[in-house]
PDB file of N, CA and C in Angstrom:
ATOM      1  N   MET A   1     157.493 -28.236 241.817  1.00  0.00           N
ATOM      2  CA  MET A   1     156.553 -28.331 240.853  1.00  0.00           C
ATOM      3  C   MET A   1     157.433 -28.636 239.589  1.00  0.00           C
ATOM      4  N   LEU A   2     156.659 -29.442 238.370  1.00  0.00           N
ATOM      5  CA  LEU A   2     157.182 -29.910 237.418  1.00  0.00           C
ATOM      6  C   LEU A   2     156.238 -29.033 236.378  1.00  0.00           C
ATOM      7  N   SER A   3     157.213 -28.710 235.361  1.00  0.00           N
ATOM      8  CA  SER A   3     156.721 -27.971 234.307  1.00  0.00           C
ATOM      9  C   SER A   3     156.718 -28.712 233.115  1.00  0.00           C
ATOM     10  N   TYR A   4     155.991 -28.556 232.108  1.00  0.00           N
ATOM     11  CA  TYR A   4     156.013 -29.151 230.737  1.00  0.00           C
ATOM     12  C   TYR A   4     156.238 -28.086 229.610  1.00  0.00           C
ATOM     13  N   SER A   5     156.976 -28.591 228.602  1.00  0.00           N
ATOM     14  CA  SER A   5     157.313 -28.070 227.390  1.00  0.00           C
ATOM     15  C   SER A   5     157.393 -28.774 226.254  1.00  0.00           C
ATOM     16  N   THR A   6     156.734 -28.607 224.796  1.00  0.00           N
ATOM     17  CA  THR A   6     156.847 -29.398 223.912  1.00  0.00           C
ATOM     18  C   THR A   6     158.189 -28.900 223.258  1.00  0.00           C
ATOM     19  N   ASN A   7     158.493 -30.124 222.257  1.00  0.00           N
ATOM     20  CA  ASN A   7     159.695 -30.092 221.606  1.00  0.00           C
ATOM     21  C   ASN A   7     159.238 -30.588 220.119  1.00  0.00           C
ATOM     22  N   TRP A   8     159.090 -29.706 219.196  1.00  0.00           N
ATOM     23  CA  TRP A   8     158.762 -30.405 217.924  1.00  0.00           C
ATOM     24  C   TRP A   8     160.110 -31.189 217.338  1.00  0.00           C
ATOM     25  N   MET A   9     159.363 -32.244 216.688  1.00  0.00           N
ATOM     26  CA  MET A   9     160.463 -33.139 215.903  1.00  0.00           C
ATOM     27  C   MET A   9     160.156 -33.511 214.521  1.00  0.00           C
ATOM     28  N   GLY A  10     159.001 -33.005 214.143  1.00  0.00           N
ATOM     29  CA  GLY A  10     158.729 -33.610 212.729  1.00  0.00           C
ATOM     30  C   GLY A  10     157.069 -33.677 212.622  1.00  0.00           C
ATOM     31  N   PRO A  11     156.518 -34.188 211.539  1.00  0.00           N
ATOM     32  CA  PRO A  11     157.282 -35.220 210.864  1.00  0.00           C
ATOM     33  C   PRO A  11     158.129 -34.423 209.810  1.00  0.00           C
ATOM     34  N   ILE A  12     159.275 -34.996 209.364  1.00  0.00           N
ATOM     35  CA  ILE A  12     160.057 -34.497 208.324  1.00  0.00           C
ATOM     36  C   ILE A  12     160.342 -35.629 207.196  1.00  0.00           C
ATOM     37  N   ASN A  13     159.570 -36.769 207.271  1.00  0.00           N
ATOM     38  CA  ASN A  13     160.102 -37.731 206.370  1.00  0.00           C
ATOM     39  C   ASN A  13     158.949 -37.294 204.971  1.00  0.00           C
ATOM     40  N   THR A  14     159.472 -37.162 204.172  1.00  0.00           N
ATOM     41  CA  THR A  14     158.727 -36.659 202.857  1.00  0.00           C
ATOM     42  C   THR A  14     157.615 -37.728 202.387  1.00  0.00           C
ATOM     43  N   ASP A  15     157.852 -38.902 202.285  1.00  0.00           N
ATOM     44  CA  ASP A  15     157.096 -40.185 202.427  1.00  0.00           C
ATOM     45  C   ASP A  15     155.578 -39.886 203.104  1.00  0.00           C
ATOM     46  N   TRP A  16     156.077 -39.845 204.492  1.00  0.00           N
ATOM     47  CA  TRP A  16     155.025 -39.605 205.242  1.00  0.00           C
ATOM     48  C   TRP A  16     154.245 -38.447 205.234  1.00  0.00           C
ATOM     49  N   ILE A  17     154.876 -37.161 204.836  1.00  0.00           N
ATOM     50  CA  ILE A  17     154.017 -36.110 204.670  1.00  0.00           C
ATOM     51  C   ILE A  17     153.401 -36.336 203.081  1.00  0.00           C
ATOM     52  N   GLU A  18     153.833 -36.815 202.192  1.00  0.00           N
ATOM     53  CA  GLU A  18     153.045 -37.275 200.973  1.00  0.00           C
ATOM     54  C   GLU A  18     151.702 -37.868 201.184  1.00  0.00           C
ATOM     55  N   LYS A  19     151.849 -38.737 202.095  1.00  0.00           N
ATOM     56  CA  LYS A  19     150.725 -39.443 202.629  1.00  0.00           C
ATOM     57  C   LYS A  19     149.670 -39.099 203.510  1.00  0.00           C
ATOM     58  N   TYR A  20     149.839 -38.299 204.206  1.00  0.00           N
ATOM     59  CA  TYR A  20     149.129 -37.515 205.347  1.00  0.00           C
ATOM     60  C   TYR A  20     149.053 -36.200 205.288  1.00  0.00           C
ATOM     61  N   GLY A  21     150.024 -35.497 204.615  1.00  0.00           N
ATOM     62  CA  GLY A  21     149.692 -34.147 204.409  1.00  0.00           C
ATOM     63  C   GLY A  21     150.802 -33.253 205.508  1.00  0.00           C
ATOM     64  N   ASP A  22     150.958 -31.822 205.289  1.00  0.00           N
ATOM     65  CA  ASP A  22     151.946 -31.050 205.827  1.00  0.00           C
ATOM     66  C   ASP A  22     151.336 -30.371 207.315  1.00  0.00           C
ATOM     67  N   CYS A  23     150.093 -30.944 207.646  1.00  0.00           N
ATOM     68  CA  CYS A  23     149.597 -30.138 208.628  1.00  0.00           C
ATOM     69  C   CYS A  23     149.786 -30.911 209.712  1.00  0.00           C
ATOM     70  N   TRP A  24     150.796 -31.578 210.601  1.00  0.00           N
ATOM     71  CA  TRP A  24     150.865 -32.429 211.206  1.00  0.00           C
ATOM     72  C   TRP A  24     151.982 -32.138 212.192  1.00  0.00           C
ATOM     73  N   ALA A  25     152.104 -32.142 213.321  1.00  0.00           N
ATOM     74  CA  ALA A  25     153.283 -31.933 214.118  1.00  0.00           C
ATOM     75  C   ALA A  25     153.513 -33.063 215.244  1.00  0.00           C
ATOM     76  N   ALA A  26     154.572 -33.489 215.696  1.00  0.00           N
ATOM     77  CA  ALA A  26     154.796 -34.693 216.537  1.00  0.00           C
ATOM     78  C   ALA A  26     156.271 -34.032 217.252  1.00  0.00           C
ATOM     79  N   GLY A  27     156.577 -34.897 218.222  1.00  0.00           N
ATOM     80  CA  GLY A  27     157.577 -34.677 218.856  1.00  0.00           C
ATOM     81  C   GLY A  27     157.677 -35.324 220.364  1.00  0.00           C
ATOM     82  N   ARG A  28     157.952 -34.360 221.214  1.00  0.00           N
ATOM     83  CA  ARG A  28     157.956 -34.994 222.883  1.00  0.00           C
ATOM     84  C   ARG A  28     157.753 -33.767 223.621  1.00  0.00           C
ATOM     85  N   ILE A  29     157.514 -34.287 224.875  1.00  0.00           N
ATOM     86  CA  ILE A  29     157.215 -33.239 225.871  1.00  0.00           C
ATOM     87  C   ILE A  29     158.529 -33.331 226.719  1.00  0.00           C
ATOM     88  N   ASP A  30     159.051 -32.329 227.094  1.00  0.00           N
ATOM     89  CA  ASP A  30     159.915 -32.155 227.959  1.00  0.00           C
ATOM     90  C   ASP A  30     159.528 -31.863 229.440  1.00  0.00           C
ATOM     91  N   VAL A  31     159.873 -32.507 230.561  1.00  0.00           N
ATOM     92  CA  VAL A  31     159.248 -32.407 231.933  1.00  0.00           C
ATOM     93  C   VAL A  31     160.485 -31.742 232.906  1.00  0.00           C
ATOM     94  N   TYR A  32     160.370 -30.369 233.336  1.00  0.00           N
ATOM     95  CA  TYR A  32     161.384 -29.829 234.007  1.00  0.00           C
ATOM     96  C   TYR A  32     161.088 -29.886 235.528  1.00  0.00           C
ATOM     97  N   GLY A  33     161.988 -29.769 236.164  1.00  0.00           N
ATOM     98  CA  GLY A  33     161.718 -29.669 237.675  1.00  0.00           C
ATOM     99  C   GLY A  33     162.472 -30.436 238.400  1.00  0.00           C
ATOM    100  N   GLU A  34     163.055 -31.682 237.695  1.00  0.00           N
ATOM    101  CA  GLU A  34     163.886 -32.732 238.429  1.00  0.00           C
ATOM    102  C   GLU A  34     165.463 -32.162 238.058  1.00  0.00           C
ATOM    103  N   GLU A  35     166.286 -32.563 238.844  1.00  0.00           N
ATOM    104  CA  GLU A  35     167.511 -32.568 238.789  1.00  0.00           C
ATOM    105  C   GLU A  35     167.839 -33.747 237.368  1.00  0.00           C
ATOM    106  N   GLY A  36     168.851 -32.799 236.769  1.00  0.00           N
ATOM    107  CA  GLY A  36     169.529 -33.454 235.628  1.00  0.00           C
ATOM    108  C   GLY A  36     168.513 -33.002 234.180  1.00  0.00           C
ATOM    109  N   TYR A  37     168.876 -33.948 233.406  1.00  0.00           N
ATOM    110  CA  TYR A  37     168.282 -33.711 232.027  1.00  0.00           C
ATOM    111  C   TYR A  37     166.620 -33.902 232.299  1.00  0.00           C
ATOM    112  N   PRO A  38     166.007 -32.988 231.231  1.00  0.00           N
ATOM    113  CA  PRO A  38     164.672 -33.213 231.562  1.00  0.00           C
ATOM    114  C   PRO A  38     163.882 -34.654 231.191  1.00  0.00           C
ATOM    115  N   ALA A  39     162.899 -34.992 231.922  1.00  0.00           N
ATOM    116  CA  ALA A  39     162.283 -36.225 231.454  1.00  0.00           C
ATOM    117  C   ALA A  39     161.393 -36.113 230.040  1.00  0.00           C
ATOM    118  N   GLU A  40     161.341 -37.308 229.411  1.00  0.00           N
ATOM    119  CA  GLU A  40     160.781 -36.936 228.193  1.00  0.00           C
ATOM    120  C   GLU A  40     159.328 -37.596 227.907  1.00  0.00           C
ATOM    121  N   ILE A  41     158.292 -37.394 227.438  1.00  0.00           N
ATOM    122  CA  ILE A  41     157.081 -38.030 226.922  1.00  0.00           C
ATOM    123  C   ILE A  41     156.871 -38.005 225.704  1.00  0.00           C
ATOM    124  N   ALA A  42     156.790 -39.140 224.950  1.00  0.00           N
ATOM    125  CA  ALA A  42     156.558 -39.101 223.500  1.00  0.00           C
ATOM    126  C   ALA A  42     155.281 -38.540 223.042  1.00  0.00           C
ATOM    127  N   LEU A  43     155.258 -37.482 222.123  1.00  0.00           N
ATOM    128  CA  LEU A  43     153.996 -36.808 221.544  1.00  0.00           C
ATOM    129  C   LEU A  43     153.668 -37.208 220.150  1.00  0.00           C
ATOM    130  N   PRO A  44     152.887 -37.988 219.863  1.00  0.00           N
ATOM    131  CA  PRO A  44     152.450 -38.831 218.392  1.00  0.00           C
ATOM    132  C   PRO A  44     152.029 -37.617 217.580  1.00  0.00           C
ATOM    133  N   PRO A  45     151.798 -37.709 216.115  1.00  0.00           N
ATOM    134  CA  PRO A  45     151.569 -36.636 215.473  1.00  0.00           C
ATOM    135  C   PRO A  45     150.000 -36.230 215.936  1.00  0.00           C
ATOM    136  N   MET A  46     149.806 -34.923 215.760  1.00  0.00           N
ATOM    137  CA  MET A  46     148.715 -34.297 215.991  1.00  0.00           C
ATOM    138  C   MET A  46     148.592 -33.123 215.098  1.00  0.00           C
ATOM    139  N   HIS A  47     147.300 -32.709 214.729  1.00  0.00           N
ATOM    140  CA  HIS A  47     147.039 -31.725 213.725  1.00  0.00           C
ATOM    141  C   HIS A  47     147.827 -30.212 214.357  1.00  0.00           C
ATOM    142  N   ASP A  48     148.492 -29.622 213.316  1.00  0.00           N
ATOM    143  CA  ASP A  48     149.332 -28.356 213.825  1.00  0.00           C
ATOM    144  C   ASP A  48     148.631 -27.507 214.588  1.00  0.00           C
ATOM    145  N   ARG A  49     147.339 -27.248 214.325  1.00  0.00           N
ATOM    146  CA  ARG A  49     146.623 -26.290 215.157  1.00  0.00           C
ATOM    147  C   ARG A  49     146.542 -26.842 216.579  1.00  0.00           C
ATOM    148  N   ASP A  50     146.309 -28.026 216.704  1.00  0.00           N
ATOM    149  CA  ASP A  50     146.184 -28.708 218.168  1.00  0.00           C
ATOM    150  C   ASP A  50     147.388 -28.632 218.622  1.00  0.00           C
ATOM    151  N   TRP A  51     148.592 -28.813 218.029  1.00  0.00           N
ATOM    152  CA  TRP A  51     149.904 -28.830 218.675  1.00  0.00           C
ATOM    153  C   TRP A  51     150.174 -27.362 219.317  1.00  0.00           C
ATOM    154  N   GLU A  52     149.625 -26.198 218.604  1.00  0.00           N
ATOM    155  CA  GLU A  52     149.989 -24.868 219.163  1.00  0.00           C
ATOM    156  C   GLU A  52     149.140 -24.767 220.044  1.00  0.00           C
ATOM    157  N   ARG A  53     147.975 -25.122 220.197  1.00  0.00           N
ATOM    158  CA  ARG A  53     146.934 -24.878 221.368  1.00  0.00           C
ATOM    159  C   ARG A  53     147.555 -25.620 222.825  1.00  0.00           C
ATOM    160  N   PHE A  54     147.874 -27.022 222.358  1.00  0.00           N
ATOM    161  CA  PHE A  54     148.513 -27.708 223.445  1.00  0.00           C
ATOM    162  C   PHE A  54     149.740 -26.965 223.970  1.00  0.00           C
ATOM    163  N   ARG A  55     150.375 -26.893 223.138  1.00  0.00           N
ATOM    164  CA  ARG A  55     151.902 -26.061 223.418  1.00  0.00           C
ATOM    165  C   ARG A  55     151.625 -25.007 224.695  1.00  0.00           C
ATOM    166  N   ARG A  56     150.820 -24.201 223.802  1.00  0.00           N
ATOM    167  CA  ARG A  56     150.809 -22.776 224.803  1.00  0.00           C
ATOM    168  C   ARG A  56     150.127 -23.235 226.341  1.00  0.00           C
ATOM    169  N   TRP A  57     149.150 -24.176 226.002  1.00  0.00           N
ATOM    170  CA  TRP A  57     148.465 -24.487 227.617  1.00  0.00           C
ATOM    171  C   TRP A  57     149.519 -25.277 228.183  1.00  0.00           C
ATOM    172  N   LEU A  58     150.337 -26.225 227.767  1.00  0.00           N
ATOM    173  CA  LEU A  58     151.169 -26.427 228.474  1.00  0.00           C
ATOM    174  C   LEU A  58     152.462 -25.734 229.186  1.00  0.00           C
ATOM    175  N   GLU A  59     152.698 -24.704 228.719  1.00  0.00           N
ATOM    176  CA  GLU A  59     153.797 -23.741 228.866  1.00  0.00           C
ATOM    177  C   GLU A  59     152.907 -23.116 230.506  1.00  0.00           C
ATOM    178  N   THR A  60     151.735 -23.145 230.728  1.00  0.00           N
ATOM    179  CA  THR A  60     151.335 -22.714 231.862  1.00  0.00           C
ATOM    180  C   THR A  60     150.941 -23.532 232.801  1.00  0.00           C
ATOM    181  N   PHE A  61     150.982 -24.937 232.626  1.00  0.00           N
ATOM    182  CA  PHE A  61     150.572 -26.079 233.552  1.00  0.00           C
ATOM    183  C   PHE A  61     151.778 -26.532 234.340  1.00  0.00           C
ATOM    184  N   GLU A  62     151.435 -26.916 235.577  1.00  0.00           N
ATOM    185  CA  GLU A  62     152.508 -27.506 236.470  1.00  0.00           C
ATOM    186  C   GLU A  62     151.684 -28.500 237.340  1.00  0.00           C
ATOM    187  N   THR A  63     152.523 -29.550 237.649  1.00  0.00           N
ATOM    188  CA  THR A  63     151.994 -30.467 238.599  1.00  0.00           C
ATOM    189  C   THR A  63     153.049 -30.762 239.734  1.00  0.00           C
ATOM    190  N   GLU A  64     152.862 -31.288 240.630  1.00  0.00           N
ATOM    191  CA  GLU A  64     153.615 -31.936 241.646  1.00  0.00           C
ATOM    192  C   GLU A  64     154.593 -33.193 241.251  1.00  0.00           C
ATOM    193  N   GLU A  65     153.706 -34.133 240.384  1.00  0.00           N
ATOM    194  CA  GLU A  65     154.336 -35.465 240.307  1.00  0.00           C
ATOM    195  C   GLU A  65     154.167 -35.508 238.446  1.00  0.00           C
ATOM    196  N   MET A  66     155.095 -36.098 238.145  1.00  0.00           N
ATOM    197  CA  MET A  66     155.036 -36.481 236.747  1.00  0.00           C
ATOM    198  C   MET A  66     153.680 -36.864 235.821  1.00  0.00           C
ATOM    199  N   TRP A  67     153.012 -36.289 235.184  1.00  0.00           N
ATOM    200  CA  TRP A  67     151.677 -36.857 234.607  1.00  0.00           C
ATOM    201  C   TRP A  67     152.144 -37.627 233.211  1.00  0.00           C
ATOM    202  N   THR A  68     151.413 -38.734 232.854  1.00  0.00           N
ATOM    203  CA  THR A  68     151.573 -39.255 231.607  1.00  0.00           C
ATOM    204  C   THR A  68     151.016 -38.378 230.622  1.00  0.00           C
ATOM    205  N   LEU A  69     150.970 -38.815 229.305  1.00  0.00           N
ATOM    206  CA  LEU A  69     150.481 -38.284 228.241  1.00  0.00           C
ATOM    207  C   LEU A  69     148.892 -38.052 228.346  1.00  0.00           C
ATOM    208  N   ALA A  70     148.430 -39.299 228.642  1.00  0.00           N
ATOM    209  CA  ALA A  70     146.884 -39.540 228.799  1.00  0.00           C
ATOM    210  C   ALA A  70     146.253 -38.664 229.951  1.00  0.00           C
ATOM    211  N   MET A  71     147.101 -38.386 230.750  1.00  0.00           N
ATOM    212  CA  MET A  71     146.650 -37.519 232.089  1.00  0.00           C
ATOM    213  C   MET A  71     146.669 -36.087 231.537  1.00  0.00           C
ATOM    214  N   LEU A  72     147.788 -35.670 230.818  1.00  0.00           N
ATOM    215  CA  LEU A  72     147.758 -34.331 230.423  1.00  0.00           C
ATOM    216  C   LEU A  72     146.696 -34.089 229.264  1.00  0.00           C
ATOM    217  N   VAL A  73     146.502 -34.984 228.280  1.00  0.00           N
ATOM    218  CA  VAL A  73     145.574 -34.601 227.463  1.00  0.00           C
ATOM    219  C   VAL A  73     144.045 -34.559 228.056  1.00  0.00           C
ATOM    220  N   ALA A  74     143.743 -35.639 229.151  1.00  0.00           N
ATOM    221  CA  ALA A  74     142.411 -35.637 229.728  1.00  0.00           C
ATOM    222  C   ALA A  74     142.225 -34.053 230.147  1.00  0.00           C
ATOM    223  N   GLU A  75     143.347 -33.772 230.757  1.00  0.00           N
ATOM    224  CA  GLU A  75     143.164 -32.463 231.691  1.00  0.00           C
ATOM    225  C   GLU A  75     143.023 -31.043 230.749  1.00  0.00           C
ATOM    226  N   TYR A  76     143.927 -31.203 229.850  1.00  0.00           N
ATOM    227  CA  TYR A  76     143.502 -30.321 228.587  1.00  0.00           C
ATOM    228  C   TYR A  76     142.367 -30.014 228.109  1.00  0.00           C
ATOM    229  N   GLU A  77     141.773 -31.308 227.752  1.00  0.00           N
ATOM    230  CA  GLU A  77     140.208 -31.330 226.735  1.00  0.00           C
ATOM    231  C   GLU A  77     139.434 -31.214 227.764  1.00  0.00           C
ATOM    232  N   LYS A  78     139.354 -30.947 229.057  1.00  0.00           N
ATOM    233  CA  LYS A  78     138.645 -30.306 229.902  1.00  0.00           C
ATOM    234  C   LYS A  78     137.968 -29.001 229.288  1.00  0.00           C
ATOM    235  N   THR A  79     138.897 -28.201 229.020  1.00  0.00           N
ATOM    236  CA  THR A  79     138.516 -26.814 228.626  1.00  0.00           C
ATOM    237  C   THR A  79     138.833 -26.445 227.124  1.00  0.00           C
ATOM    238  N   HIS A  80     139.384 -27.371 226.332  1.00  0.00           N
ATOM    239  CA  HIS A  80     139.928 -27.160 225.053  1.00  0.00           C
ATOM    240  C   HIS A  80     139.358 -27.902 223.924  1.00  0.00           C
ATOM    241  N   PRO A  81     139.299 -27.699 222.856  1.00  0.00           N
ATOM    242  CA  PRO A  81     138.812 -28.834 221.947  1.00  0.00           C
ATOM    243  C   PRO A  81     139.520 -30.195 221.805  1.00  0.00           C
ATOM    244  N   PRO A  82     138.874 -31.163 221.349  1.00  0.00           N
ATOM    245  CA  PRO A  82     139.642 -32.445 221.512  1.00  0.00           C
ATOM    246  C   PRO A  82     140.949 -32.425 220.574  1.00  0.00           C
ATOM    247  N   ILE A  83     141.853 -33.093 220.984  1.00  0.00           N
ATOM    248  CA  ILE A  83     143.050 -33.069 219.991  1.00  0.00           C
ATOM    249  C   ILE A  83     142.672 -34.173 218.858  1.00  0.00           C
ATOM    250  N   LEU A  84     143.110 -33.620 217.610  1.00  0.00           N
ATOM    251  CA  LEU A  84     143.141 -34.533 216.404  1.00  0.00           C
ATOM    252  C   LEU A  84     144.256 -35.090 216.081  1.00  0.00           C
ATOM    253  N   TRP A  85     144.304 -36.502 216.310  1.00  0.00           N
ATOM    254  CA  TRP A  85     145.575 -37.263 216.209  1.00  0.00           C
ATOM    255  C   TRP A  85     145.490 -38.037 214.916  1.00  0.00           C
ATOM    256  N   VAL A  86     146.682 -37.942 214.252  1.00  0.00           N
ATOM    257  CA  VAL A  86     146.814 -38.762 212.904  1.00  0.00           C
ATOM    258  C   VAL A  86     146.572 -40.177 213.410  1.00  0.00           C
ATOM    259  N   LYS A  87     146.008 -40.937 212.229  1.00  0.00           N
ATOM    260  CA  LYS A  87     145.563 -42.332 212.273  1.00  0.00           C
ATOM    261  C   LYS A  87     146.425 -43.199 211.434  1.00  0.00           C
ATOM    262  N   GLU A  88     147.656 -43.484 211.763  1.00  0.00           N
ATOM    263  CA  GLU A  88     148.462 -44.029 210.746  1.00  0.00           C
ATOM    264  C   GLU A  88     148.306 -45.571 210.676  1.00  0.00           C
ATOM    265  N   LYS A  89     147.531 -46.214 211.714  1.00  0.00           N
ATOM    266  CA  LYS A  89     147.424 -47.469 211.447  1.00  0.00           C
ATOM    267  C   LYS A  89     146.508 -47.766 210.500  1.00  0.00           C
ATOM    268  N   ASP A  90     145.333 -46.800 210.016  1.00  0.00           N
ATOM    269  CA  ASP A  90     144.702 -46.987 209.064  1.00  0.00           C
ATOM    270  C   ASP A  90     145.016 -47.381 207.650  1.00  0.00           C
ATOM    271  N   ASN A  91     146.367 -46.869 207.598  1.00  0.00           N
ATOM    272  CA  ASN A  91     146.900 -46.983 206.351  1.00  0.00           C
ATOM    273  C   ASN A  91     146.039 -46.646 204.956  1.00  0.00           C
ATOM    274  N   VAL A  92     145.216 -45.531 204.949  1.00  0.00           N
ATOM    275  CA  VAL A  92     144.412 -45.396 204.062  1.00  0.00           C
ATOM    276  C   VAL A  92     145.023 -44.345 202.962  1.00  0.00           C
ATOM    277  N   PRO A  93     145.112 -44.103 201.944  1.00  0.00           N
ATOM    278  CA  PRO A  93     145.672 -43.204 201.024  1.00  0.00           C
ATOM    279  C   PRO A  93     145.185 -41.984 201.340  1.00  0.00           C
ATOM    280  N   ARG A  94     145.912 -40.831 201.463  1.00  0.00           N
ATOM    281  CA  ARG A  94     145.541 -39.544 201.604  1.00  0.00           C
ATOM    282  C   ARG A  94     144.637 -38.787 200.511  1.00  0.00           C
ATOM    283  N   GLN A  95     143.670 -38.153 201.086  1.00  0.00           N
ATOM    284  CA  GLN A  95     142.651 -37.767 200.113  1.00  0.00           C
ATOM    285  C   GLN A  95     143.399 -36.448 199.280  1.00  0.00           C
ATOM    286  N   GLN A  96     142.999 -36.064 197.951  1.00  0.00           N
ATOM    287  CA  GLN A  96     143.604 -35.127 197.513  1.00  0.00           C
ATOM    288  C   GLN A  96     142.642 -33.993 197.080  1.00  0.00           C
ATOM    289  N   PRO A  97     142.614 -32.862 197.682  1.00  0.00           N
ATOM    290  CA  PRO A  97     143.505 -32.489 198.701  1.00  0.00           C
ATOM    291  C   PRO A  97     143.003 -32.797 200.037  1.00  0.00           C
ATOM    292  N   ASN A  98     143.813 -32.945 201.154  1.00  0.00           N
ATOM    293  CA  ASN A  98     143.517 -33.318 202.173  1.00  0.00           C
ATOM    294  C   ASN A  98     142.804 -32.484 203.226  1.00  0.00           C
ATOM    295  N   PRO A  99     141.544 -32.508 203.493  1.00  0.00           N
ATOM    296  CA  PRO A  99     140.434 -31.562 203.998  1.00  0.00           C
ATOM    297  C   PRO A  99     140.981 -31.067 205.610  1.00  0.00           C
ATOM    298  N   LEU A 100     141.890 -31.811 205.932  1.00  0.00           N
ATOM    299  CA  LEU A 100     142.271 -31.299 207.454  1.00  0.00           C
ATOM    300  C   LEU A 100     143.418 -30.490 207.394  1.00  0.00           C
ATOM    301  N   CYS A 101     144.096 -30.467 206.057  1.00  0.00           N
ATOM    302  CA  CYS A 101     145.167 -29.287 205.634  1.00  0.00           C
ATOM    303  C   CYS A 101     144.824 -28.412 205.008  1.00  0.00           C
ATOM    304  N   GLY A 102     144.422 -27.129 205.631  1.00  0.00           N
ATOM    305  CA  GLY A 102     143.945 -26.140 204.980  1.00  0.00           C
ATOM    306  C   GLY A 102     145.064 -25.587 203.737  1.00  0.00           C
ATOM    307  N   ASN A 103     146.363 -25.962 203.798  1.00  0.00           N
ATOM    308  CA  ASN A 103     147.374 -25.466 202.900  1.00  0.00           C
ATOM    309  C   ASN A 103     147.810 -26.288 201.826  1.00  0.00           C
ATOM    310  N   ASP A 104     147.083 -27.153 201.812  1.00  0.00           N
ATOM    311  CA  ASP A 104     147.549 -28.310 200.496  1.00  0.00           C
ATOM    312  C   ASP A 104     147.098 -27.797 199.248  1.00  0.00           C
TER     313      ASP A 104
END
């Protein structure tokens, strides 16, 4: 069986945080169960409350074959609120304060 675990890696760039706020988390999913180093799945920035829920859910989830991020998110969202992803491509200046970030 393969197991999944998040690995937080940011964002830590101050310009990015200035633009989008400090309520986001990004990194990767490590996939354990194969020999050698764990496989990695890129995990784009999502709201930190969703990161925490998704992280806890992933710790309990196993598959026989490695799933893609899209498959994992689809399965997660069957029983959890949809993940709020940051929309970097919009390139819209951040509102002050950002209503999505409760601690701005």
